[in-house]
Amino acid sequence: MGLGREEEVEIRAAPRFMPGEKVQSTKHIKNDGTYPRREIGDILVRKGDVGYVRDIGTFLQQFYVYAVEFVDRGVIVGMRGRELVSLDRPAVAADAADVITAATDTAATRTSETVAS
């Protein structure tokens, strides 16, 4: 019998998002019964909704939980980092870094060819 899926201890690293940061939900979030005055199963946040990180907490001394305020929906929901993307700090894709490196290498090659001629 397996021990289940192990996940790394997220709180060993700095939080992905900081209070005040503008973020976007990457998933639909439904009420699991922990959100007051809403029915279980009600959608609290839709994929693509924009909100602001209000606070950062931890869960089980392992994960960060971000309290995100979705002003348009009038809710504050606790979310994991994997359910959010920052709109204030767009991620640089690894492919973009490769393109920059390739462009630099090409320019260096052309310069050395010109000098040799």
C-alpha atoms as a PDB file:
ATOM      1  CA  MET A   1       0.000   0.000   0.000  1.00  0.00           C
ATOM      2  CA  GLY A   2       1.491   3.361  -1.051  1.00  0.00           C
ATOM      3  CA  LEU A   3       1.795   6.445   1.060  1.00  0.00           C
ATOM      4  CA  GLY A   4       0.020   8.575  -1.476  1.00  0.00           C
ATOM      5  CA  ARG A   5       1.381  11.469  -3.431  1.00  0.00           C
ATOM      6  CA  GLU A   6       4.059  13.366  -1.564  1.00  0.00           C
ATOM      7  CA  GLU A   7       4.461  17.052  -2.219  1.00  0.00           C
ATOM      8  CA  GLU A   8       7.402  19.245  -1.393  1.00  0.00           C
ATOM      9  CA  VAL A   9       7.244  21.538   1.613  1.00  0.00           C
ATOM     10  CA  GLU A  10       6.323  24.776  -0.115  1.00  0.00           C
ATOM     11  CA  ILE A  11       7.003  27.057   2.866  1.00  0.00           C
ATOM     12  CA  ARG A  12      10.757  26.368   2.677  1.00  0.00           C
ATOM     13  CA  ALA A  13      10.838  28.877  -0.196  1.00  0.00           C
ATOM     14  CA  ALA A  14       9.552  32.444  -0.315  1.00  0.00           C
ATOM     15  CA  PRO A  15       5.858  32.927  -1.181  1.00  0.00           C
ATOM     16  CA  ARG A  16       5.067  33.238  -4.900  1.00  0.00           C
ATOM     17  CA  PHE A  17       2.783  36.225  -4.353  1.00  0.00           C
ATOM     18  CA  MET A  18       2.874  39.173  -1.965  1.00  0.00           C
ATOM     19  CA  PRO A  19       0.023  41.153  -0.343  1.00  0.00           C
ATOM     20  CA  GLY A  20      -1.372  43.725  -2.755  1.00  0.00           C
ATOM     21  CA  GLU A  21      -0.330  41.765  -5.835  1.00  0.00           C
ATOM     22  CA  LYS A  22      -2.855  41.497  -8.660  1.00  0.00           C
ATOM     23  CA  VAL A  23      -3.526  37.845  -9.538  1.00  0.00           C
ATOM     24  CA  GLN A  24      -5.768  35.804 -11.826  1.00  0.00           C
ATOM     25  CA  SER A  25      -7.460  32.507 -11.040  1.00  0.00           C
ATOM     26  CA  THR A  26      -6.443  29.571 -13.222  1.00  0.00           C
ATOM     27  CA  LYS A  27      -9.313  27.366 -11.977  1.00  0.00           C
ATOM     28  CA  HIS A  28     -12.971  27.476 -10.994  1.00  0.00           C
ATOM     29  CA  ILE A  29     -13.277  27.438  -7.204  1.00  0.00           C
ATOM     30  CA  LYS A  30     -16.411  25.907  -5.673  1.00  0.00           C
ATOM     31  CA  ASN A  31     -17.612  26.141  -2.088  1.00  0.00           C
ATOM     32  CA  ASP A  32     -16.606  22.948  -0.302  1.00  0.00           C
ATOM     33  CA  GLY A  33     -18.704  23.881   2.713  1.00  0.00           C
ATOM     34  CA  THR A  34     -16.158  26.157   4.345  1.00  0.00           C
ATOM     35  CA  TYR A  35     -17.443  29.416   2.837  1.00  0.00           C
ATOM     36  CA  PRO A  36     -20.250  30.894   4.977  1.00  0.00           C
ATOM     37  CA  ARG A  37     -23.755  31.761   3.680  1.00  0.00           C
ATOM     38  CA  ARG A  38     -23.212  29.995   0.349  1.00  0.00           C
ATOM     39  CA  GLU A  39     -24.455  26.576  -0.750  1.00  0.00           C
ATOM     40  CA  ILE A  40     -21.999  23.713  -1.113  1.00  0.00           C
ATOM     41  CA  GLY A  41     -21.021  23.480  -4.767  1.00  0.00           C
ATOM     42  CA  ASP A  42     -21.661  27.177  -5.536  1.00  0.00           C
ATOM     43  CA  ILE A  43     -18.947  28.638  -7.759  1.00  0.00           C
ATOM     44  CA  LEU A  44     -17.113  31.289  -5.756  1.00  0.00           C
ATOM     45  CA  VAL A  45     -14.467  32.162  -8.355  1.00  0.00           C
ATOM     46  CA  ARG A  46     -14.360  31.451 -12.072  1.00  0.00           C
ATOM     47  CA  LYS A  47     -11.257  30.729 -14.112  1.00  0.00           C
ATOM     48  CA  GLY A  48      -9.904  34.084 -15.303  1.00  0.00           C
ATOM     49  CA  ASP A  49     -11.331  36.176 -12.448  1.00  0.00           C
ATOM     50  CA  VAL A  50      -8.946  38.880 -11.221  1.00  0.00           C
ATOM     51  CA  GLY A  51      -8.289  39.598  -7.563  1.00  0.00           C
ATOM     52  CA  TYR A  52      -5.744  40.950  -5.106  1.00  0.00           C
ATOM     53  CA  VAL A  53      -3.742  39.040  -2.511  1.00  0.00           C
ATOM     54  CA  ARG A  54      -4.747  40.315   0.934  1.00  0.00           C
ATOM     55  CA  ASP A  55      -2.820  37.984   3.208  1.00  0.00           C
ATOM     56  CA  ILE A  56      -0.633  34.886   3.244  1.00  0.00           C
ATOM     57  CA  GLY A  57      -1.130  31.982   5.615  1.00  0.00           C
ATOM     58  CA  THR A  58       0.070  28.417   5.838  1.00  0.00           C
ATOM     59  CA  PHE A  59      -1.679  25.065   5.979  1.00  0.00           C
ATOM     60  CA  LEU A  60      -0.272  21.989   7.737  1.00  0.00           C
ATOM     61  CA  GLN A  61       3.107  23.759   8.033  1.00  0.00           C
ATOM     62  CA  GLN A  62       3.616  22.760   4.426  1.00  0.00           C
ATOM     63  CA  PHE A  63       1.702  24.977   1.983  1.00  0.00           C
ATOM     64  CA  TYR A  64       1.081  28.674   1.481  1.00  0.00           C
ATOM     65  CA  VAL A  65      -2.560  29.707   1.308  1.00  0.00           C
ATOM     66  CA  TYR A  66      -3.234  33.099  -0.238  1.00  0.00           C
ATOM     67  CA  ALA A  67      -6.302  35.060   0.889  1.00  0.00           C
ATOM     68  CA  VAL A  68      -7.392  36.601  -2.406  1.00  0.00           C
ATOM     69  CA  GLU A  69     -10.085  39.266  -2.634  1.00  0.00           C
ATOM     70  CA  PHE A  70     -12.128  39.111  -5.819  1.00  0.00           C
ATOM     71  CA  VAL A  71     -13.734  42.558  -5.740  1.00  0.00           C
ATOM     72  CA  ASP A  72     -16.115  41.982  -8.677  1.00  0.00           C
ATOM     73  CA  ARG A  73     -17.508  38.849  -7.022  1.00  0.00           C
ATOM     74  CA  GLY A  74     -17.449  40.235  -3.484  1.00  0.00           C
ATOM     75  CA  VAL A  75     -15.595  37.242  -2.012  1.00  0.00           C
ATOM     76  CA  ILE A  76     -12.316  36.550  -0.255  1.00  0.00           C
ATOM     77  CA  VAL A  77     -11.126  33.023  -0.958  1.00  0.00           C
ATOM     78  CA  GLY A  78      -8.130  31.041   0.272  1.00  0.00           C
ATOM     79  CA  MET A  79      -6.223  29.686  -2.711  1.00  0.00           C
ATOM     80  CA  ARG A  80      -3.042  27.731  -3.369  1.00  0.00           C
ATOM     81  CA  GLY A  81      -0.246  29.211  -5.463  1.00  0.00           C
ATOM     82  CA  ARG A  82      -0.806  26.684  -8.258  1.00  0.00           C
ATOM     83  CA  GLU A  83      -4.344  28.079  -8.704  1.00  0.00           C
ATOM     84  CA  LEU A  84      -3.082  31.611  -9.384  1.00  0.00           C
ATOM     85  CA  VAL A  85      -0.915  33.587 -11.800  1.00  0.00           C
ATOM     86  CA  SER A  86       0.454  37.060 -11.203  1.00  0.00           C
ATOM     87  CA  LEU A  87      -0.694  39.922 -13.388  1.00  0.00           C
ATOM     88  CA  ASP A  88       1.823  42.321 -11.820  1.00  0.00           C
ATOM     89  CA  ARG A  89       4.842  40.115 -12.582  1.00  0.00           C
ATOM     90  CA  PRO A  90       4.255  38.195 -15.818  1.00  0.00           C
ATOM     91  CA  ALA A  91       6.291  35.001 -15.886  1.00  0.00           C
ATOM     92  CA  VAL A  92       9.140  34.811 -18.352  1.00  0.00           C
ATOM     93  CA  ALA A  93       8.804  31.600 -20.313  1.00  0.00           C
ATOM     94  CA  ALA A  94      11.785  29.291 -20.478  1.00  0.00           C
ATOM     95  CA  ASP A  95      11.418  29.359 -24.273  1.00  0.00           C
ATOM     96  CA  ALA A  96      11.850  33.141 -24.258  1.00  0.00           C
ATOM     97  CA  ALA A  97      15.128  32.756 -22.358  1.00  0.00           C
ATOM     98  CA  ASP A  98      16.267  30.200 -24.952  1.00  0.00           C
ATOM     99  CA  VAL A  99      15.387  32.606 -27.779  1.00  0.00           C
ATOM    100  CA  ILE A 100      17.408  35.385 -26.141  1.00  0.00           C
ATOM    101  CA  THR A 101      20.378  33.048 -25.667  1.00  0.00           C
ATOM    102  CA  ALA A 102      20.131  31.854 -29.285  1.00  0.00           C
ATOM    103  CA  ALA A 103      19.943  35.449 -30.563  1.00  0.00           C
ATOM    104  CA  THR A 104      22.995  36.422 -28.499  1.00  0.00           C
ATOM    105  CA  ASP A 105      24.952  33.399 -29.781  1.00  0.00           C
ATOM    106  CA  THR A 106      24.008  34.235 -33.389  1.00  0.00           C
ATOM    107  CA  ALA A 107      25.076  37.868 -32.962  1.00  0.00           C
ATOM    108  CA  ALA A 108      28.387  36.767 -31.407  1.00  0.00           C
ATOM    109  CA  THR A 109      29.011  34.375 -34.329  1.00  0.00           C
ATOM    110  CA  ARG A 110      28.278  37.093 -36.910  1.00  0.00           C
ATOM    111  CA  THR A 111      30.602  39.524 -35.109  1.00  0.00           C
ATOM    112  CA  SER A 112      33.460  36.991 -35.011  1.00  0.00           C
ATOM    113  CA  GLU A 113      32.936  36.169 -38.723  1.00  0.00           C
ATOM    114  CA  THR A 114      33.044  39.860 -39.622  1.00  0.00           C
ATOM    115  CA  VAL A 115      36.241  40.402 -37.610  1.00  0.00           C
ATOM    116  CA  ALA A 116      37.891  37.354 -39.237  1.00  0.00           C
ATOM    117  CA  SER A 117      37.111  38.586 -42.774  1.00  0.00           C
END
